[in-house]
């Protein structure tokens, strides 16, 4: 889910990269795909159309997270159910914006993280900035 809340649906990508001739093949090459290769490739046309539909309703000077105004509650919800690749950055924002008071170890085991998130939901410091 992105800024506007639109889910990027993956599109099929053909394998246009033919195999090299055996004599030219590097047999010591690392053939594992890069981490970025696992991310879905969005359909640019549908994303542009969605942006044009949603843009007039979005506030100009407000940061958004998953289609809603950026807030501590939104960050906590994204930490609970958002993709792993965003969790470290969101946890760091939470730590910085609370002056170090709201810390979440995103590498801890899931039950421990759930307990920590439940405790953080009870903690709503006035020091948290809304970044709006």
N, C-alpha and C. Protein backbone atom coordinates (compact mmCIF):
# COMPACT_ATOMS: atom_id res chain seq x y z
N UNK A 1 0.85 -1.16 0.00
CA UNK A 1 0.00 0.00 0.00
C UNK A 1 0.90 1.22 0.00
N UNK A 2 0.55 2.21 -0.75
CA UNK A 2 1.41 3.37 -0.87
C UNK A 2 0.85 4.59 -0.17
N UNK A 3 1.23 5.74 -0.63
CA UNK A 3 0.83 7.00 -0.02
C UNK A 3 -0.69 7.15 -0.02
N UNK A 4 -1.33 6.86 -1.14
CA UNK A 4 -2.77 7.06 -1.25
C UNK A 4 -3.58 5.88 -0.76
N UNK A 5 -2.94 4.79 -0.40
CA UNK A 5 -3.66 3.61 0.04
C UNK A 5 -3.91 2.62 -1.08
N UNK A 6 -3.48 2.93 -2.30
CA UNK A 6 -3.67 2.04 -3.44
C UNK A 6 -2.71 0.87 -3.33
N UNK A 7 -3.25 -0.32 -3.49
CA UNK A 7 -2.40 -1.52 -3.48
C UNK A 7 -1.80 -1.69 -4.87
N UNK A 8 -0.49 -1.85 -4.93
CA UNK A 8 0.19 -2.08 -6.21
C UNK A 8 0.07 -3.55 -6.55
N UNK A 9 -0.67 -3.85 -7.59
CA UNK A 9 -0.83 -5.23 -8.03
C UNK A 9 0.35 -5.59 -8.92
N UNK A 10 0.97 -6.73 -8.67
CA UNK A 10 2.11 -7.10 -9.52
C UNK A 10 1.67 -7.41 -10.94
N UNK A 11 2.55 -7.13 -11.87
CA UNK A 11 2.26 -7.46 -13.26
C UNK A 11 3.28 -8.49 -13.72
N UNK A 12 2.87 -9.27 -14.69
CA UNK A 12 3.78 -10.29 -15.21
C UNK A 12 4.93 -9.64 -15.96
N UNK A 13 6.11 -10.16 -15.75
CA UNK A 13 7.28 -9.67 -16.48
C UNK A 13 7.88 -10.83 -17.25
N UNK A 14 7.93 -10.70 -18.56
CA UNK A 14 8.50 -11.81 -19.34
C UNK A 14 10.00 -11.91 -19.12
N UNK A 15 10.50 -13.11 -19.24
CA UNK A 15 11.94 -13.34 -19.10
C UNK A 15 12.57 -13.17 -20.47
N UNK A 16 12.95 -11.92 -20.78
CA UNK A 16 13.51 -11.59 -22.10
C UNK A 16 15.01 -11.80 -22.16
N UNK A 17 15.62 -12.21 -21.06
CA UNK A 17 17.06 -12.33 -21.00
C UNK A 17 17.46 -13.76 -21.42
N UNK A 18 17.90 -13.95 -22.68
CA UNK A 18 18.26 -15.30 -23.12
C UNK A 18 19.55 -15.76 -22.46
N UNK A 19 19.71 -17.05 -22.40
CA UNK A 19 20.93 -17.60 -21.83
C UNK A 19 22.11 -17.36 -22.77
N UNK A 20 23.30 -17.07 -22.20
CA UNK A 20 24.48 -16.87 -23.06
C UNK A 20 24.97 -18.24 -23.56
N UNK A 21 25.75 -18.22 -24.61
CA UNK A 21 26.36 -19.48 -25.06
C UNK A 21 27.19 -20.08 -23.93
N UNK A 22 27.23 -21.38 -23.85
CA UNK A 22 27.90 -22.06 -22.75
C UNK A 22 29.36 -21.64 -22.61
N UNK A 23 30.05 -21.43 -23.72
CA UNK A 23 31.47 -21.04 -23.67
C UNK A 23 31.66 -19.66 -23.04
N UNK A 24 30.64 -18.79 -23.12
CA UNK A 24 30.74 -17.43 -22.56
C UNK A 24 30.10 -17.31 -21.19
N UNK A 25 29.49 -18.36 -20.71
CA UNK A 25 28.77 -18.31 -19.43
C UNK A 25 29.76 -18.26 -18.27
N UNK A 26 29.48 -17.38 -17.29
CA UNK A 26 30.31 -17.27 -16.09
C UNK A 26 29.77 -18.26 -15.06
N UNK A 27 30.44 -19.38 -14.90
CA UNK A 27 29.96 -20.43 -14.01
C UNK A 27 30.13 -20.09 -12.54
N UNK A 28 30.88 -19.04 -12.24
CA UNK A 28 31.06 -18.61 -10.85
C UNK A 28 30.13 -17.46 -10.48
N UNK A 29 29.27 -17.04 -11.39
CA UNK A 29 28.39 -15.90 -11.13
C UNK A 29 27.36 -16.25 -10.07
N UNK A 30 26.99 -15.25 -9.28
CA UNK A 30 25.95 -15.41 -8.27
C UNK A 30 24.60 -15.29 -8.97
N UNK A 31 23.83 -16.36 -9.00
CA UNK A 31 22.58 -16.39 -9.74
C UNK A 31 21.36 -16.10 -8.87
N UNK A 32 21.58 -15.84 -7.60
CA UNK A 32 20.47 -15.52 -6.71
C UNK A 32 19.90 -14.16 -7.09
N UNK A 33 18.58 -14.05 -7.19
CA UNK A 33 17.99 -12.75 -7.54
C UNK A 33 18.20 -11.73 -6.43
N UNK A 34 18.33 -10.48 -6.81
CA UNK A 34 18.47 -9.39 -5.83
C UNK A 34 17.16 -9.25 -5.06
N UNK A 35 17.23 -8.71 -3.86
CA UNK A 35 16.04 -8.55 -3.03
C UNK A 35 14.97 -7.71 -3.74
N UNK A 36 15.40 -6.72 -4.53
CA UNK A 36 14.46 -5.85 -5.23
C UNK A 36 13.64 -6.62 -6.26
N UNK A 37 14.18 -7.73 -6.75
CA UNK A 37 13.48 -8.51 -7.77
C UNK A 37 12.20 -9.14 -7.21
N UNK A 38 12.10 -9.27 -5.89
CA UNK A 38 10.92 -9.85 -5.26
C UNK A 38 9.78 -8.84 -5.11
N UNK A 39 10.09 -7.55 -5.22
CA UNK A 39 9.05 -6.53 -5.08
C UNK A 39 8.16 -6.53 -6.32
N UNK A 40 6.86 -6.31 -6.13
CA UNK A 40 5.97 -6.29 -7.29
C UNK A 40 6.25 -5.06 -8.15
N UNK A 41 6.15 -5.22 -9.46
CA UNK A 41 6.28 -4.10 -10.37
C UNK A 41 4.89 -3.52 -10.61
N UNK A 42 4.68 -2.26 -10.26
CA UNK A 42 3.34 -1.69 -10.43
C UNK A 42 3.05 -1.40 -11.90
N UNK A 43 1.78 -1.37 -12.21
CA UNK A 43 1.33 -1.00 -13.53
C UNK A 43 1.25 0.52 -13.56
N UNK A 44 2.16 1.16 -14.27
CA UNK A 44 2.27 2.63 -14.26
C UNK A 44 1.00 3.31 -14.74
N UNK A 45 0.32 2.74 -15.71
CA UNK A 45 -0.90 3.37 -16.25
C UNK A 45 -1.99 3.42 -15.20
N UNK A 46 -2.23 2.30 -14.51
CA UNK A 46 -3.29 2.30 -13.50
C UNK A 46 -2.91 3.13 -12.28
N UNK A 47 -1.62 3.17 -11.94
CA UNK A 47 -1.19 4.03 -10.84
C UNK A 47 -1.39 5.50 -11.17
N UNK A 48 -1.06 5.89 -12.39
CA UNK A 48 -1.25 7.29 -12.80
C UNK A 48 -2.74 7.65 -12.79
N UNK A 49 -3.58 6.75 -13.26
CA UNK A 49 -5.03 7.01 -13.27
C UNK A 49 -5.56 7.12 -11.84
N UNK A 50 -5.10 6.25 -10.97
CA UNK A 50 -5.53 6.29 -9.57
C UNK A 50 -5.07 7.58 -8.91
N UNK A 51 -3.84 7.99 -9.19
CA UNK A 51 -3.32 9.24 -8.61
C UNK A 51 -4.17 10.42 -9.06
N UNK A 52 -4.53 10.48 -10.32
CA UNK A 52 -5.35 11.58 -10.82
C UNK A 52 -6.73 11.60 -10.16
N UNK A 53 -7.28 10.40 -9.86
CA UNK A 53 -8.58 10.33 -9.18
C UNK A 53 -8.48 10.76 -7.73
N UNK A 54 -7.41 10.34 -7.03
CA UNK A 54 -7.29 10.60 -5.60
C UNK A 54 -6.66 11.95 -5.26
N UNK A 55 -5.87 12.48 -6.15
CA UNK A 55 -5.09 13.69 -5.85
C UNK A 55 -5.93 14.87 -5.37
N UNK A 56 -7.09 15.18 -6.00
CA UNK A 56 -7.85 16.34 -5.53
C UNK A 56 -8.35 16.21 -4.09
N UNK A 57 -8.55 15.01 -3.61
CA UNK A 57 -9.07 14.82 -2.25
C UNK A 57 -7.98 14.81 -1.19
N UNK A 58 -6.72 14.77 -1.60
CA UNK A 58 -5.63 14.69 -0.63
C UNK A 58 -5.17 16.08 -0.22
N UNK A 59 -4.92 16.28 1.06
CA UNK A 59 -4.42 17.58 1.51
C UNK A 59 -3.02 17.83 0.95
N UNK A 60 -2.77 19.07 0.54
CA UNK A 60 -1.51 19.39 -0.12
C UNK A 60 -0.30 19.34 0.80
N UNK A 61 -0.46 19.82 2.02
CA UNK A 61 0.70 19.95 2.91
C UNK A 61 0.70 18.89 4.01
N UNK A 62 0.06 17.77 3.78
CA UNK A 62 -0.04 16.72 4.81
C UNK A 62 0.68 15.46 4.34
N UNK A 63 1.49 14.88 5.19
CA UNK A 63 2.11 13.59 4.89
C UNK A 63 1.06 12.51 5.05
N UNK A 64 1.12 11.51 4.18
CA UNK A 64 0.15 10.42 4.21
C UNK A 64 0.84 9.08 4.42
N UNK A 65 0.12 8.16 5.03
CA UNK A 65 0.59 6.80 5.22
C UNK A 65 -0.60 5.87 4.99
N UNK A 66 -0.52 5.04 3.98
CA UNK A 66 -1.57 4.10 3.63
C UNK A 66 -2.91 4.80 3.42
N UNK A 67 -2.89 5.94 2.78
CA UNK A 67 -4.11 6.65 2.42
C UNK A 67 -4.70 7.53 3.49
N UNK A 68 -4.08 7.62 4.64
CA UNK A 68 -4.60 8.45 5.73
C UNK A 68 -3.52 9.44 6.16
N UNK A 69 -3.96 10.48 6.88
CA UNK A 69 -3.01 11.46 7.38
C UNK A 69 -2.01 10.78 8.31
N UNK A 70 -0.76 11.17 8.20
CA UNK A 70 0.32 10.60 9.02
C UNK A 70 0.02 10.86 10.48
N UNK A 71 0.04 9.82 11.29
CA UNK A 71 -0.21 9.96 12.72
C UNK A 71 0.49 8.83 13.45
N UNK A 72 0.60 9.00 14.77
CA UNK A 72 1.20 7.94 15.57
C UNK A 72 0.36 6.67 15.48
N UNK A 73 -0.97 6.81 15.54
CA UNK A 73 -1.84 5.63 15.42
C UNK A 73 -1.66 4.95 14.07
N UNK A 74 -1.51 5.73 13.01
CA UNK A 74 -1.29 5.16 11.68
C UNK A 74 0.03 4.42 11.60
N UNK A 75 1.06 4.98 12.23
CA UNK A 75 2.37 4.32 12.25
C UNK A 75 2.28 3.01 13.03
N UNK A 76 1.59 3.03 14.17
CA UNK A 76 1.44 1.80 14.95
C UNK A 76 0.66 0.75 14.18
N UNK A 77 -0.39 1.16 13.46
CA UNK A 77 -1.15 0.22 12.64
C UNK A 77 -0.29 -0.36 11.53
N UNK A 78 0.52 0.49 10.91
CA UNK A 78 1.41 0.01 9.84
C UNK A 78 2.48 -0.93 10.40
N UNK A 79 2.92 -0.69 11.62
CA UNK A 79 3.88 -1.59 12.26
C UNK A 79 3.25 -2.95 12.56
N UNK A 80 1.95 -2.95 12.84
CA UNK A 80 1.26 -4.20 13.15
C UNK A 80 0.96 -5.02 11.90
N UNK A 81 0.63 -4.35 10.79
CA UNK A 81 0.16 -5.12 9.64
C UNK A 81 0.82 -4.76 8.31
N UNK A 82 1.73 -3.81 8.33
CA UNK A 82 2.37 -3.38 7.09
C UNK A 82 3.47 -4.32 6.65
N UNK A 83 4.01 -4.06 5.46
CA UNK A 83 5.08 -4.91 4.95
C UNK A 83 6.37 -4.76 5.76
N UNK A 84 7.11 -5.84 5.81
CA UNK A 84 8.35 -5.88 6.59
C UNK A 84 9.34 -4.81 6.15
N UNK A 85 9.40 -4.53 4.85
CA UNK A 85 10.42 -3.60 4.36
C UNK A 85 10.22 -2.18 4.89
N UNK A 86 9.04 -1.86 5.43
CA UNK A 86 8.79 -0.51 5.97
C UNK A 86 8.92 -0.46 7.49
N UNK A 87 8.88 -1.61 8.13
CA UNK A 87 8.80 -1.64 9.60
C UNK A 87 10.00 -0.98 10.28
N UNK A 88 11.20 -1.20 9.78
CA UNK A 88 12.38 -0.63 10.43
C UNK A 88 12.34 0.90 10.38
N UNK A 89 11.97 1.46 9.24
CA UNK A 89 11.92 2.92 9.11
C UNK A 89 10.80 3.51 9.97
N UNK A 90 9.65 2.85 10.01
CA UNK A 90 8.55 3.34 10.84
C UNK A 90 8.91 3.27 12.32
N UNK A 91 9.55 2.20 12.73
CA UNK A 91 9.96 2.08 14.14
C UNK A 91 11.00 3.16 14.48
N UNK A 92 11.88 3.46 13.53
CA UNK A 92 12.88 4.51 13.78
C UNK A 92 12.19 5.88 13.90
N UNK A 93 11.18 6.15 13.06
CA UNK A 93 10.44 7.41 13.16
C UNK A 93 9.79 7.51 14.54
N UNK A 94 9.18 6.42 14.98
CA UNK A 94 8.51 6.41 16.28
C UNK A 94 9.52 6.67 17.40
N UNK A 95 10.68 6.06 17.32
CA UNK A 95 11.71 6.25 18.33
C UNK A 95 12.19 7.70 18.37
N UNK A 96 12.46 8.27 17.20
CA UNK A 96 12.95 9.65 17.13
C UNK A 96 11.88 10.64 17.57
N UNK A 97 10.65 10.44 17.10
CA UNK A 97 9.59 11.41 17.39
C UNK A 97 9.16 11.40 18.85
N UNK A 98 9.48 10.34 19.58
CA UNK A 98 9.16 10.29 21.01
C UNK A 98 10.37 10.56 21.88
N UNK A 99 11.45 11.00 21.27
CA UNK A 99 12.66 11.29 22.02
C UNK A 99 13.27 10.05 22.66
N UNK A 100 13.06 8.90 22.02
CA UNK A 100 13.63 7.65 22.50
C UNK A 100 12.74 6.89 23.47
N UNK A 101 11.58 7.43 23.78
CA UNK A 101 10.71 6.78 24.76
C UNK A 101 9.95 5.58 24.20
N UNK A 102 9.60 5.62 22.93
CA UNK A 102 8.82 4.53 22.32
C UNK A 102 9.71 3.73 21.39
N UNK A 103 10.31 2.69 21.95
CA UNK A 103 11.24 1.87 21.17
C UNK A 103 10.60 0.52 20.84
N UNK A 104 10.75 0.08 19.61
CA UNK A 104 10.27 -1.22 19.17
C UNK A 104 11.41 -1.94 18.47
N UNK A 105 11.74 -3.11 18.96
CA UNK A 105 12.79 -3.92 18.34
C UNK A 105 12.15 -4.72 17.21
N UNK A 106 12.32 -4.27 15.97
CA UNK A 106 11.68 -4.92 14.82
C UNK A 106 12.34 -6.23 14.46
N UNK A 107 13.40 -6.60 15.15
CA UNK A 107 14.04 -7.89 14.90
C UNK A 107 13.72 -8.91 16.00
N UNK A 108 12.90 -8.51 16.96
CA UNK A 108 12.51 -9.42 18.04
C UNK A 108 11.49 -10.44 17.51
N UNK A 109 11.27 -11.49 18.27
CA UNK A 109 10.27 -12.48 17.90
C UNK A 109 8.87 -11.85 17.90
N UNK A 110 7.98 -12.38 17.07
CA UNK A 110 6.66 -11.79 16.87
C UNK A 110 5.88 -11.60 18.17
N UNK A 111 5.79 -12.58 19.06
CA UNK A 111 5.02 -12.34 20.29
C UNK A 111 5.55 -11.16 21.10
N UNK A 112 6.86 -11.02 21.14
CA UNK A 112 7.45 -9.89 21.88
C UNK A 112 7.11 -8.56 21.20
N UNK A 113 7.15 -8.52 19.86
CA UNK A 113 6.80 -7.29 19.14
C UNK A 113 5.33 -6.94 19.36
N UNK A 114 4.45 -7.95 19.36
CA UNK A 114 3.01 -7.69 19.58
C UNK A 114 2.78 -7.10 20.97
N UNK A 115 3.46 -7.65 21.97
CA UNK A 115 3.35 -7.11 23.33
C UNK A 115 3.84 -5.67 23.38
N UNK A 116 4.96 -5.41 22.72
CA UNK A 116 5.52 -4.05 22.70
C UNK A 116 4.57 -3.08 22.00
N UNK A 117 3.98 -3.51 20.89
CA UNK A 117 3.05 -2.63 20.17
C UNK A 117 1.80 -2.36 21.00
N UNK A 118 1.31 -3.36 21.73
CA UNK A 118 0.15 -3.16 22.60
C UNK A 118 0.48 -2.13 23.68
N UNK A 119 1.69 -2.21 24.24
CA UNK A 119 2.11 -1.24 25.25
C UNK A 119 2.27 0.15 24.63
N UNK A 120 2.80 0.22 23.41
CA UNK A 120 2.98 1.52 22.76
C UNK A 120 1.64 2.17 22.44
N UNK A 121 0.61 1.38 22.17
CA UNK A 121 -0.72 1.95 21.90
C UNK A 121 -1.26 2.68 23.13
N UNK A 122 -0.87 2.24 24.31
CA UNK A 122 -1.30 2.90 25.54
C UNK A 122 -0.50 4.17 25.80
N UNK A 123 0.69 4.24 25.21
CA UNK A 123 1.59 5.37 25.42
C UNK A 123 1.43 6.36 24.28
N UNK A 124 0.83 7.50 24.56
CA UNK A 124 0.65 8.52 23.52
C UNK A 124 1.24 9.84 24.02
N UNK A 125 2.55 10.00 23.88
CA UNK A 125 3.20 11.21 24.41
C UNK A 125 2.85 12.46 23.61
N UNK A 126 2.81 13.55 24.31
CA UNK A 126 2.55 14.83 23.65
C UNK A 126 3.72 15.24 22.79
N UNK A 127 4.88 14.63 23.00
CA UNK A 127 6.08 14.99 22.25
C UNK A 127 6.07 14.47 20.82
N UNK A 128 5.14 13.56 20.49
CA UNK A 128 5.11 13.01 19.13
C UNK A 128 4.64 14.10 18.17
N UNK A 129 5.44 14.31 17.14
CA UNK A 129 5.10 15.32 16.13
C UNK A 129 4.25 14.70 15.04
N UNK A 130 3.32 15.43 14.47
CA UNK A 130 2.43 14.88 13.45
C UNK A 130 3.00 15.02 12.05
N UNK A 131 4.09 15.75 11.87
CA UNK A 131 4.71 15.91 10.56
C UNK A 131 3.69 16.28 9.49
N UNK A 132 2.95 17.29 9.69
CA UNK A 132 1.92 17.62 8.71
C UNK A 132 2.12 18.84 7.96
